[in-house]
Amino acid sequence: MSLKPFTSPLPETRFLRAGRLVYKFKIRYGNFSSAPDLDNTASAAKELEEAIRVILGNLDDLHPFSTDHFTIFPYLSKWERVSKMRFKHGKVHLVPYPYICTVYLELSSFQQNVSCGNSCVIFQVFCEFPEQPQAPAETSVGLYI
């Protein structure tokens, strides 16, 4: 597909052609300030291209999914002015897809922890086991997201 560089963290709208269909993608970014090194790396751009392919292949059954760096939330909404749009590639008339694909990108939980270092503990859960005798007082489970 080879797309132009993405403008993260600025929102953007892209028109993408696949076959004779034209898709309108709105890309929205979450908090990327904690990982400035991901802004336009080749691996992040490749992951986003792959994510767009996954979305296009699953338009009938969209669900959130994750890549190495991102958690992706795809949504479809009715494209209100689609009937006014005309697209052409050479002499071939293209058909606009009647829905807008909105993609919300967040850093994956693991990536946020790596980017922030050890000080980025979002929350910690302490579990106590009262029924178990002789359990050490330090028994706790740290849950990192």
N, C-alpha and C. Protein backbone atom coordinates (compact mmCIF):
# COMPACT_ATOMS: atom_id res chain seq x y z
N MET A 1 0.83 -1.19 0.00
CA MET A 1 0.00 0.00 0.00
C MET A 1 0.87 1.25 0.00
N SER A 2 1.94 1.26 0.76
CA SER A 2 2.90 2.35 0.82
C SER A 2 2.24 3.73 0.95
N LEU A 3 1.91 4.07 2.15
CA LEU A 3 1.22 5.33 2.43
C LEU A 3 2.20 6.44 2.75
N LYS A 4 1.75 7.67 2.61
CA LYS A 4 2.54 8.82 3.03
C LYS A 4 2.70 8.76 4.55
N PRO A 5 3.72 9.42 5.11
CA PRO A 5 3.90 9.39 6.57
C PRO A 5 2.67 9.91 7.29
N PHE A 6 2.41 9.34 8.45
CA PHE A 6 1.26 9.75 9.25
C PHE A 6 1.62 10.96 10.09
N THR A 7 0.61 11.71 10.49
CA THR A 7 0.83 12.99 11.17
C THR A 7 0.66 12.89 12.67
N SER A 8 0.84 11.70 13.24
CA SER A 8 0.60 11.57 14.68
C SER A 8 1.39 12.62 15.44
N PRO A 9 0.83 13.20 16.45
CA PRO A 9 -0.46 12.92 17.08
C PRO A 9 -1.62 13.75 16.52
N LEU A 10 -1.41 14.45 15.40
CA LEU A 10 -2.49 15.26 14.83
C LEU A 10 -3.51 14.37 14.13
N PRO A 11 -4.81 14.64 14.31
CA PRO A 11 -5.82 13.84 13.60
C PRO A 11 -5.72 14.08 12.10
N GLU A 12 -6.10 13.09 11.34
CA GLU A 12 -6.05 13.23 9.89
C GLU A 12 -7.16 12.42 9.23
N THR A 13 -7.47 12.82 8.00
CA THR A 13 -8.44 12.11 7.19
C THR A 13 -7.74 11.69 5.91
N ARG A 14 -7.93 10.44 5.52
CA ARG A 14 -7.30 9.90 4.32
C ARG A 14 -8.34 9.20 3.47
N PHE A 15 -8.18 9.31 2.17
CA PHE A 15 -8.98 8.56 1.22
C PHE A 15 -8.08 7.47 0.66
N LEU A 16 -8.51 6.21 0.79
CA LEU A 16 -7.71 5.08 0.34
C LEU A 16 -8.50 4.28 -0.67
N ARG A 17 -7.81 3.86 -1.72
CA ARG A 17 -8.45 3.07 -2.77
C ARG A 17 -8.01 1.62 -2.65
N ALA A 18 -8.98 0.73 -2.72
CA ALA A 18 -8.72 -0.71 -2.76
C ALA A 18 -9.63 -1.28 -3.84
N GLY A 19 -9.04 -1.67 -4.95
CA GLY A 19 -9.84 -2.11 -6.09
C GLY A 19 -10.60 -0.92 -6.66
N ARG A 20 -11.90 -1.08 -6.83
CA ARG A 20 -12.72 0.03 -7.35
C ARG A 20 -13.41 0.82 -6.25
N LEU A 21 -13.13 0.49 -4.99
CA LEU A 21 -13.75 1.20 -3.87
C LEU A 21 -12.80 2.24 -3.29
N VAL A 22 -13.39 3.36 -2.85
CA VAL A 22 -12.64 4.40 -2.14
C VAL A 22 -13.18 4.46 -0.73
N TYR A 23 -12.28 4.39 0.24
CA TYR A 23 -12.64 4.42 1.66
C TYR A 23 -12.17 5.72 2.28
N LYS A 24 -13.00 6.28 3.14
CA LYS A 24 -12.62 7.46 3.89
C LYS A 24 -12.23 7.01 5.29
N PHE A 25 -10.97 7.26 5.67
CA PHE A 25 -10.46 6.91 6.98
C PHE A 25 -10.20 8.17 7.78
N LYS A 26 -10.74 8.21 8.99
CA LYS A 26 -10.40 9.27 9.95
C LYS A 26 -9.52 8.61 10.99
N ILE A 27 -8.31 9.12 11.15
CA ILE A 27 -7.37 8.54 12.09
C ILE A 27 -7.20 9.50 13.25
N ARG A 28 -7.45 9.01 14.45
CA ARG A 28 -7.36 9.80 15.68
C ARG A 28 -6.36 9.11 16.60
N TYR A 29 -5.50 9.90 17.20
CA TYR A 29 -4.43 9.37 18.05
C TYR A 29 -4.71 9.66 19.51
N GLY A 30 -4.36 8.72 20.36
CA GLY A 30 -4.47 8.91 21.80
C GLY A 30 -3.25 9.65 22.32
N ASN A 31 -2.85 9.36 23.53
CA ASN A 31 -1.73 10.03 24.17
C ASN A 31 -0.41 9.46 23.67
N PHE A 32 0.21 10.12 22.70
CA PHE A 32 1.47 9.66 22.16
C PHE A 32 2.65 10.46 22.71
N SER A 33 2.39 11.38 23.64
CA SER A 33 3.47 12.20 24.17
C SER A 33 4.44 11.39 25.02
N SER A 34 3.98 10.25 25.54
CA SER A 34 4.86 9.42 26.36
C SER A 34 5.81 8.58 25.52
N ALA A 35 5.62 8.57 24.21
CA ALA A 35 6.49 7.78 23.32
C ALA A 35 6.81 8.57 22.06
N PRO A 36 7.55 9.66 22.17
CA PRO A 36 7.84 10.46 20.99
C PRO A 36 8.67 9.73 19.95
N ASP A 37 9.41 8.69 20.37
CA ASP A 37 10.21 7.93 19.42
C ASP A 37 9.36 7.11 18.46
N LEU A 38 8.06 6.93 18.74
CA LEU A 38 7.18 6.16 17.87
C LEU A 38 6.50 7.01 16.81
N ASP A 39 6.62 8.32 16.90
CA ASP A 39 5.84 9.20 16.04
C ASP A 39 5.89 8.81 14.57
N ASN A 40 7.04 8.68 14.00
CA ASN A 40 7.11 8.37 12.57
C ASN A 40 8.15 7.31 12.26
N THR A 41 8.34 6.36 13.14
CA THR A 41 9.28 5.29 12.86
C THR A 41 8.71 4.40 11.76
N ALA A 42 9.60 3.77 11.05
CA ALA A 42 9.17 2.90 9.95
C ALA A 42 8.31 1.75 10.46
N SER A 43 8.65 1.20 11.63
CA SER A 43 7.88 0.06 12.14
C SER A 43 6.47 0.50 12.55
N ALA A 44 6.33 1.70 13.12
CA ALA A 44 5.01 2.18 13.50
C ALA A 44 4.16 2.44 12.26
N ALA A 45 4.76 3.01 11.22
CA ALA A 45 4.02 3.26 9.98
C ALA A 45 3.60 1.94 9.33
N LYS A 46 4.48 0.96 9.37
CA LYS A 46 4.15 -0.35 8.80
C LYS A 46 3.01 -1.01 9.58
N GLU A 47 3.06 -0.89 10.91
CA GLU A 47 1.98 -1.44 11.73
C GLU A 47 0.64 -0.79 11.41
N LEU A 48 0.65 0.52 11.20
CA LEU A 48 -0.59 1.22 10.88
C LEU A 48 -1.12 0.80 9.51
N GLU A 49 -0.23 0.61 8.56
CA GLU A 49 -0.65 0.10 7.24
C GLU A 49 -1.26 -1.28 7.37
N GLU A 50 -0.64 -2.14 8.14
CA GLU A 50 -1.18 -3.48 8.36
C GLU A 50 -2.55 -3.41 9.06
N ALA A 51 -2.68 -2.51 10.01
CA ALA A 51 -3.95 -2.34 10.72
C ALA A 51 -5.05 -1.92 9.75
N ILE A 52 -4.72 -1.03 8.82
CA ILE A 52 -5.71 -0.61 7.82
C ILE A 52 -6.12 -1.79 6.94
N ARG A 53 -5.16 -2.64 6.59
CA ARG A 53 -5.50 -3.84 5.82
C ARG A 53 -6.44 -4.76 6.60
N VAL A 54 -6.15 -4.93 7.89
CA VAL A 54 -7.00 -5.77 8.74
C VAL A 54 -8.42 -5.20 8.80
N ILE A 55 -8.52 -3.88 8.96
CA ILE A 55 -9.84 -3.23 9.02
C ILE A 55 -10.59 -3.44 7.72
N LEU A 56 -9.92 -3.23 6.59
CA LEU A 56 -10.57 -3.41 5.29
C LEU A 56 -11.02 -4.86 5.08
N GLY A 57 -10.29 -5.80 5.63
CA GLY A 57 -10.65 -7.20 5.48
C GLY A 57 -11.75 -7.66 6.42
N ASN A 58 -12.10 -6.83 7.40
CA ASN A 58 -13.10 -7.23 8.41
C ASN A 58 -14.18 -6.17 8.60
N LEU A 59 -14.55 -5.49 7.57
CA LEU A 59 -15.53 -4.40 7.69
C LEU A 59 -16.88 -4.86 8.22
N ASP A 60 -17.22 -6.12 8.00
CA ASP A 60 -18.51 -6.63 8.47
C ASP A 60 -18.50 -7.02 9.95
N ASP A 61 -17.32 -7.10 10.55
CA ASP A 61 -17.22 -7.56 11.93
C ASP A 61 -16.02 -6.91 12.61
N LEU A 62 -16.10 -5.61 12.85
CA LEU A 62 -14.98 -4.88 13.44
C LEU A 62 -14.91 -5.04 14.95
N HIS A 63 -13.70 -5.24 15.45
CA HIS A 63 -13.44 -5.35 16.88
C HIS A 63 -12.11 -4.68 17.17
N PRO A 64 -11.91 -4.18 18.38
CA PRO A 64 -10.59 -3.66 18.74
C PRO A 64 -9.54 -4.77 18.65
N PHE A 65 -8.32 -4.39 18.29
CA PHE A 65 -7.22 -5.35 18.22
C PHE A 65 -5.92 -4.63 18.54
N SER A 66 -4.87 -5.41 18.72
CA SER A 66 -3.58 -4.84 19.11
C SER A 66 -2.48 -5.28 18.15
N THR A 67 -1.48 -4.41 18.04
CA THR A 67 -0.25 -4.72 17.33
C THR A 67 0.87 -4.63 18.37
N ASP A 68 2.11 -4.67 17.93
CA ASP A 68 3.22 -4.56 18.88
C ASP A 68 3.21 -3.24 19.62
N HIS A 69 2.84 -2.16 18.94
CA HIS A 69 2.90 -0.83 19.55
C HIS A 69 1.55 -0.20 19.87
N PHE A 70 0.49 -0.64 19.21
CA PHE A 70 -0.78 0.06 19.30
C PHE A 70 -1.92 -0.85 19.73
N THR A 71 -2.93 -0.24 20.33
CA THR A 71 -4.25 -0.84 20.47
C THR A 71 -5.15 -0.02 19.56
N ILE A 72 -5.88 -0.70 18.70
CA ILE A 72 -6.63 -0.04 17.63
C ILE A 72 -8.12 -0.29 17.81
N PHE A 73 -8.88 0.80 17.79
CA PHE A 73 -10.33 0.74 17.94
C PHE A 73 -10.97 1.24 16.65
N PRO A 74 -11.42 0.32 15.78
CA PRO A 74 -12.05 0.74 14.52
C PRO A 74 -13.57 0.85 14.65
N TYR A 75 -14.13 1.88 14.03
CA TYR A 75 -15.58 2.10 14.03
C TYR A 75 -16.04 2.51 12.64
N LEU A 76 -17.28 2.19 12.33
CA LEU A 76 -17.90 2.66 11.09
C LEU A 76 -19.03 3.60 11.42
N SER A 77 -19.15 4.67 10.62
CA SER A 77 -20.28 5.58 10.74
C SER A 77 -20.74 5.93 9.34
N LYS A 78 -22.00 6.22 9.21
CA LYS A 78 -22.58 6.53 7.91
C LYS A 78 -21.91 7.77 7.32
N TRP A 79 -21.52 7.69 6.06
CA TRP A 79 -20.92 8.81 5.34
C TRP A 79 -22.07 9.61 4.75
N GLU A 80 -22.43 10.70 5.40
CA GLU A 80 -23.64 11.45 5.06
C GLU A 80 -23.63 12.01 3.64
N ARG A 81 -22.53 12.53 3.18
CA ARG A 81 -22.49 13.19 1.87
C ARG A 81 -21.86 12.32 0.79
N VAL A 82 -21.90 11.02 0.99
CA VAL A 82 -21.26 10.11 0.05
C VAL A 82 -21.84 10.23 -1.36
N SER A 83 -23.13 10.53 -1.47
CA SER A 83 -23.76 10.62 -2.80
C SER A 83 -23.23 11.81 -3.61
N LYS A 84 -22.62 12.78 -2.94
CA LYS A 84 -22.07 13.95 -3.64
C LYS A 84 -20.63 13.72 -4.12
N MET A 85 -20.01 12.63 -3.68
CA MET A 85 -18.61 12.37 -3.98
C MET A 85 -18.46 11.62 -5.30
N ARG A 86 -17.46 12.03 -6.09
CA ARG A 86 -17.12 11.36 -7.34
C ARG A 86 -15.62 11.13 -7.34
N PHE A 87 -15.22 9.89 -7.67
CA PHE A 87 -13.82 9.54 -7.71
C PHE A 87 -13.51 8.86 -9.03
N LYS A 88 -12.30 9.11 -9.52
CA LYS A 88 -11.87 8.53 -10.78
C LYS A 88 -10.39 8.20 -10.68
N HIS A 89 -9.99 7.06 -11.23
CA HIS A 89 -8.58 6.69 -11.33
C HIS A 89 -8.32 6.42 -12.81
N GLY A 90 -7.65 7.38 -13.44
CA GLY A 90 -7.50 7.29 -14.89
C GLY A 90 -8.88 7.48 -15.52
N LYS A 91 -9.31 6.51 -16.32
CA LYS A 91 -10.64 6.58 -16.92
C LYS A 91 -11.67 5.75 -16.17
N VAL A 92 -11.23 5.11 -15.10
CA VAL A 92 -12.12 4.22 -14.35
C VAL A 92 -12.83 5.01 -13.24
N HIS A 93 -14.16 4.93 -13.22
CA HIS A 93 -14.94 5.54 -12.15
C HIS A 93 -14.89 4.64 -10.91
N LEU A 94 -14.61 5.23 -9.78
CA LEU A 94 -14.51 4.49 -8.54
C LEU A 94 -15.77 4.70 -7.70
N VAL A 95 -16.04 3.75 -6.84
CA VAL A 95 -17.25 3.77 -6.01
C VAL A 95 -16.86 4.09 -4.56
N PRO A 96 -17.43 5.14 -3.96
CA PRO A 96 -17.12 5.42 -2.55
C PRO A 96 -17.85 4.44 -1.63
N TYR A 97 -17.12 3.94 -0.63
CA TYR A 97 -17.70 3.07 0.38
C TYR A 97 -18.64 3.92 1.23
N PRO A 98 -19.86 3.47 1.51
CA PRO A 98 -20.87 4.33 2.15
C PRO A 98 -20.65 4.63 3.64
N TYR A 99 -19.56 4.15 4.22
CA TYR A 99 -19.28 4.39 5.64
C TYR A 99 -17.90 5.01 5.80
N ILE A 100 -17.75 5.80 6.85
CA ILE A 100 -16.45 6.35 7.22
C ILE A 100 -15.82 5.40 8.23
N CYS A 101 -14.58 5.05 8.02
CA CYS A 101 -13.85 4.20 8.95
C CYS A 101 -13.07 5.12 9.89
N THR A 102 -13.49 5.17 11.14
CA THR A 102 -12.79 5.96 12.13
C THR A 102 -11.90 5.01 12.94
N VAL A 103 -10.63 5.36 13.05
CA VAL A 103 -9.66 4.52 13.71
C VAL A 103 -9.05 5.31 14.86
N TYR A 104 -9.26 4.82 16.08
CA TYR A 104 -8.66 5.43 17.27
C TYR A 104 -7.43 4.60 17.62
N LEU A 105 -6.28 5.25 17.70
CA LEU A 105 -5.02 4.57 18.03
C LEU A 105 -4.56 4.98 19.42
N GLU A 106 -4.27 4.00 20.24
CA GLU A 106 -3.69 4.22 21.55
C GLU A 106 -2.39 3.43 21.60
N LEU A 107 -1.45 3.88 22.39
CA LEU A 107 -0.27 3.07 22.63
C LEU A 107 -0.70 1.82 23.37
N SER A 108 -0.12 0.68 23.01
CA SER A 108 -0.48 -0.53 23.74
C SER A 108 -0.01 -0.38 25.18
N SER A 109 -0.65 -1.07 26.08
CA SER A 109 -0.34 -0.94 27.51
C SER A 109 1.11 -1.26 27.79
N PHE A 110 1.61 -2.29 27.18
CA PHE A 110 3.01 -2.65 27.39
C PHE A 110 3.92 -1.54 26.89
N GLN A 111 3.60 -0.97 25.74
CA GLN A 111 4.42 0.10 25.17
C GLN A 111 4.42 1.32 26.07
N GLN A 112 3.30 1.63 26.70
CA GLN A 112 3.25 2.77 27.61
C GLN A 112 4.20 2.54 28.79
N ASN A 113 4.21 1.33 29.34
CA ASN A 113 5.10 1.04 30.46
C ASN A 113 6.57 1.12 30.05
N VAL A 114 6.89 0.62 28.86
CA VAL A 114 8.27 0.68 28.38
C VAL A 114 8.68 2.11 28.13
N SER A 115 7.78 2.91 27.56
CA SER A 115 8.10 4.30 27.24
C SER A 115 8.31 5.13 28.49
N CYS A 116 7.54 4.87 29.52
CA CYS A 116 7.60 5.68 30.73
C CYS A 116 8.70 5.22 31.67
N GLY A 117 9.20 4.02 31.51
CA GLY A 117 10.18 3.49 32.44
C GLY A 117 9.50 2.85 33.62
N ASN A 118 10.24 2.63 34.68
CA ASN A 118 9.71 1.93 35.85
C ASN A 118 8.69 2.74 36.62
N SER A 119 8.66 4.05 36.43
CA SER A 119 7.76 4.89 37.21
C SER A 119 6.33 4.90 36.68
N CYS A 120 6.07 4.15 35.63
CA CYS A 120 4.75 4.20 34.99
C CYS A 120 3.91 3.00 35.42
N VAL A 121 3.51 2.95 36.64
CA VAL A 121 2.59 1.93 37.14
C VAL A 121 1.22 2.57 37.17
N ILE A 122 0.31 2.08 36.36
CA ILE A 122 -1.01 2.69 36.29
C ILE A 122 -1.82 2.37 37.53
N PHE A 123 -1.87 1.13 37.94
CA PHE A 123 -2.47 0.80 39.22
C PHE A 123 -1.91 -0.54 39.67
N GLN A 124 -2.03 -0.79 40.94
CA GLN A 124 -1.52 -2.01 41.52
C GLN A 124 -2.61 -2.60 42.41
N VAL A 125 -2.80 -3.90 42.30
CA VAL A 125 -3.82 -4.59 43.08
C VAL A 125 -3.13 -5.48 44.10
N PHE A 126 -3.55 -5.38 45.35
CA PHE A 126 -3.01 -6.23 46.39
C PHE A 126 -4.06 -7.26 46.75
N CYS A 127 -3.67 -8.51 46.69
CA CYS A 127 -4.58 -9.61 47.00
C CYS A 127 -4.21 -10.21 48.34
N GLU A 128 -5.19 -10.41 49.18
CA GLU A 128 -4.97 -11.07 50.46
C GLU A 128 -5.71 -12.40 50.44
N PHE A 129 -5.10 -13.39 51.06
CA PHE A 129 -5.67 -14.71 51.10
C PHE A 129 -5.91 -15.09 52.55
N PRO A 130 -7.05 -14.69 53.15
CA PRO A 130 -7.27 -14.90 54.58
C PRO A 130 -7.43 -16.36 54.97
N GLU A 131 -7.85 -17.24 54.08
CA GLU A 131 -8.09 -18.64 54.39
C GLU A 131 -6.80 -19.45 54.47
N GLN A 132 -5.68 -18.90 53.97
CA GLN A 132 -4.44 -19.65 53.91
C GLN A 132 -3.56 -19.31 55.12
N PRO A 133 -3.37 -20.23 56.03
CA PRO A 133 -2.49 -19.96 57.16
C PRO A 133 -1.04 -19.93 56.72
N GLN A 134 -0.22 -19.22 57.46
CA GLN A 134 1.21 -19.10 57.26
C GLN A 134 1.58 -18.45 55.93
N ALA A 135 0.69 -17.67 55.36
CA ALA A 135 1.04 -16.94 54.13
C ALA A 135 1.94 -15.78 54.51
N PRO A 136 3.00 -15.54 53.76
CA PRO A 136 3.88 -14.43 54.09
C PRO A 136 3.14 -13.10 54.01
N ALA A 137 3.52 -12.17 54.85
CA ALA A 137 2.86 -10.86 54.90
C ALA A 137 3.04 -10.09 53.60
N GLU A 138 4.08 -10.39 52.82
CA GLU A 138 4.34 -9.66 51.58
C GLU A 138 3.54 -10.20 50.41
N THR A 139 2.63 -11.14 50.60
CA THR A 139 1.88 -11.73 49.50
C THR A 139 1.04 -10.65 48.83
N SER A 140 1.41 -10.33 47.65
CA SER A 140 0.65 -9.38 46.85
C SER A 140 0.95 -9.62 45.39
N VAL A 141 0.05 -9.19 44.55
CA VAL A 141 0.23 -9.34 43.12
C VAL A 141 0.20 -7.94 42.52
N GLY A 142 1.23 -7.59 41.78
CA GLY A 142 1.24 -6.30 41.09
C GLY A 142 0.67 -6.46 39.70
N LEU A 143 -0.31 -5.70 39.38
CA LEU A 143 -0.93 -5.77 38.07
C LEU A 143 -0.58 -4.50 37.32
N TYR A 144 0.12 -4.64 36.23
CA TYR A 144 0.57 -3.50 35.44
C TYR A 144 -0.13 -3.52 34.10
N ILE A 145 -0.65 -2.40 33.73
CA ILE A 145 -1.36 -2.30 32.46
C ILE A 145 -0.57 -1.43 31.53
